[in-house]
Amino acid sequence: MNLKIKYFGMLTEVTGCTEEQFPLIEGNIADVLQLLMNKYPLLKEKEFQVAQDQVIVDIKKPISQGEIALLPPFSGG
């Protein structure tokens, strides 16, 4: 099974893509972020929130099958 990672806004410039898939791993969201920061070191310099299945989550949340999105800061209005 795979885990889909989606990138939005400036994060697409850092990664060079809007989405990609990785084999599903055991662990939590922080483990996924570490994997992504190893692959894309510039992510360490960016602020973003993480959503799992369209809900903003704490990085300590366990990984589940589905989708993780990295969302840059946005302003309301």
C-alpha atoms as a PDB file:
ATOM      1  CA  MET A   1       0.000   0.000   0.000  1.00  0.00           C
ATOM      2  CA  ASN A   2       1.106   3.536  -0.665  1.00  0.00           C
ATOM      3  CA  LEU A   3       0.828   6.842   1.128  1.00  0.00           C
ATOM      4  CA  LYS A   4       0.065   9.832  -1.081  1.00  0.00           C
ATOM      5  CA  ILE A   5       1.833  13.090  -0.189  1.00  0.00           C
ATOM      6  CA  LYS A   6       0.442  16.318  -1.673  1.00  0.00           C
ATOM      7  CA  TYR A   7       2.259  19.666  -1.733  1.00  0.00           C
ATOM      8  CA  PHE A   8       0.704  23.093  -2.085  1.00  0.00           C
ATOM      9  CA  GLY A   9       1.882  26.635  -2.773  1.00  0.00           C
ATOM     10  CA  MET A  10       5.580  27.362  -2.297  1.00  0.00           C
ATOM     11  CA  LEU A  11       6.141  23.765  -1.211  1.00  0.00           C
ATOM     12  CA  THR A  12       5.667  22.628  -4.812  1.00  0.00           C
ATOM     13  CA  GLU A  13       8.675  24.775  -5.717  1.00  0.00           C
ATOM     14  CA  VAL A  14      10.764  23.121  -2.998  1.00  0.00           C
ATOM     15  CA  THR A  15       9.814  19.574  -4.015  1.00  0.00           C
ATOM     16  CA  GLY A  16       9.405  20.085  -7.751  1.00  0.00           C
ATOM     17  CA  CYS A  17       6.067  18.258  -7.729  1.00  0.00           C
ATOM     18  CA  THR A  18       2.485  18.583  -6.560  1.00  0.00           C
ATOM     19  CA  GLU A  19       2.211  15.031  -5.252  1.00  0.00           C
ATOM     20  CA  GLU A  20       4.082  11.772  -4.925  1.00  0.00           C
ATOM     21  CA  GLN A  21       3.617   8.359  -3.370  1.00  0.00           C
ATOM     22  CA  PHE A  22       5.706   6.423  -0.884  1.00  0.00           C
ATOM     23  CA  PRO A  23       5.310   2.926   0.508  1.00  0.00           C
ATOM     24  CA  LEU A  24       3.164   3.054   3.641  1.00  0.00           C
ATOM     25  CA  ILE A  25       5.402   2.999   6.726  1.00  0.00           C
ATOM     26  CA  GLU A  26       4.612   2.407  10.365  1.00  0.00           C
ATOM     27  CA  GLY A  27       5.057   5.334  12.686  1.00  0.00           C
ATOM     28  CA  ASN A  28       3.670   8.813  12.973  1.00  0.00           C
ATOM     29  CA  ILE A  29       3.454  11.944  10.854  1.00  0.00           C
ATOM     30  CA  ALA A  30       6.799  13.134  12.261  1.00  0.00           C
ATOM     31  CA  ASP A  31       8.434  10.045  10.727  1.00  0.00           C
ATOM     32  CA  VAL A  32       7.018  10.971   7.321  1.00  0.00           C
ATOM     33  CA  LEU A  33       8.216  14.554   7.720  1.00  0.00           C
ATOM     34  CA  GLN A  34      11.725  13.341   8.556  1.00  0.00           C
ATOM     35  CA  LEU A  35      11.733  11.218   5.402  1.00  0.00           C
ATOM     36  CA  LEU A  36      10.585  14.220   3.341  1.00  0.00           C
ATOM     37  CA  MET A  37      13.116  16.589   4.907  1.00  0.00           C
ATOM     38  CA  ASN A  38      15.892  14.123   4.138  1.00  0.00           C
ATOM     39  CA  LYS A  39      14.751  14.064   0.514  1.00  0.00           C
ATOM     40  CA  TYR A  40      14.053  17.823   0.318  1.00  0.00           C
ATOM     41  CA  PRO A  41      16.381  19.621   2.803  1.00  0.00           C
ATOM     42  CA  LEU A  42      14.856  23.032   1.964  1.00  0.00           C
ATOM     43  CA  LEU A  43      11.618  21.911   3.651  1.00  0.00           C
ATOM     44  CA  LYS A  44      13.405  22.453   6.982  1.00  0.00           C
ATOM     45  CA  GLU A  45      13.398  26.194   6.261  1.00  0.00           C
ATOM     46  CA  LYS A  46       9.683  26.412   5.428  1.00  0.00           C
ATOM     47  CA  GLU A  47       6.669  26.806   7.666  1.00  0.00           C
ATOM     48  CA  PHE A  48       3.713  24.572   6.924  1.00  0.00           C
ATOM     49  CA  GLN A  49       0.880  22.643   8.495  1.00  0.00           C
ATOM     50  CA  VAL A  50       0.158  18.987   7.938  1.00  0.00           C
ATOM     51  CA  ALA A  51      -3.233  17.533   7.101  1.00  0.00           C
ATOM     52  CA  GLN A  52      -4.099  13.850   7.031  1.00  0.00           C
ATOM     53  CA  ASP A  53      -7.186  12.979   5.023  1.00  0.00           C
ATOM     54  CA  GLN A  54      -8.118  16.688   4.852  1.00  0.00           C
ATOM     55  CA  VAL A  55      -7.878  17.352   8.613  1.00  0.00           C
ATOM     56  CA  ILE A  56      -5.039  19.375  10.200  1.00  0.00           C
ATOM     57  CA  VAL A  57      -3.197  16.986  12.524  1.00  0.00           C
ATOM     58  CA  ASP A  58      -0.490  16.948  15.172  1.00  0.00           C
ATOM     59  CA  ILE A  59       2.738  15.390  13.918  1.00  0.00           C
ATOM     60  CA  LYS A  60       2.536  12.782  16.697  1.00  0.00           C
ATOM     61  CA  LYS A  61      -0.579  11.282  15.072  1.00  0.00           C
ATOM     62  CA  PRO A  62      -0.056   7.737  13.750  1.00  0.00           C
ATOM     63  CA  ILE A  63       0.126   7.312   9.994  1.00  0.00           C
ATOM     64  CA  SER A  64      -2.890   5.787   8.341  1.00  0.00           C
ATOM     65  CA  GLN A  65      -3.526   4.751   4.781  1.00  0.00           C
ATOM     66  CA  GLY A  66      -4.685   7.703   2.765  1.00  0.00           C
ATOM     67  CA  GLU A  67      -3.289  11.120   2.033  1.00  0.00           C
ATOM     68  CA  ILE A  68      -1.014  13.602   3.761  1.00  0.00           C
ATOM     69  CA  ALA A  69      -0.915  17.212   2.590  1.00  0.00           C
ATOM     70  CA  LEU A  70       1.697  19.837   3.401  1.00  0.00           C
ATOM     71  CA  LEU A  71       0.007  23.231   3.517  1.00  0.00           C
ATOM     72  CA  PRO A  72       1.920  26.519   3.521  1.00  0.00           C
ATOM     73  CA  PRO A  73       0.714  29.433   5.635  1.00  0.00           C
ATOM     74  CA  PHE A  74      -2.285  31.200   4.183  1.00  0.00           C
ATOM     75  CA  SER A  75      -4.158  34.326   5.102  1.00  0.00           C
ATOM     76  CA  GLY A  76      -7.878  34.739   5.416  1.00  0.00           C
ATOM     77  CA  GLY A  77      -9.921  37.624   4.368  1.00  0.00           C
END
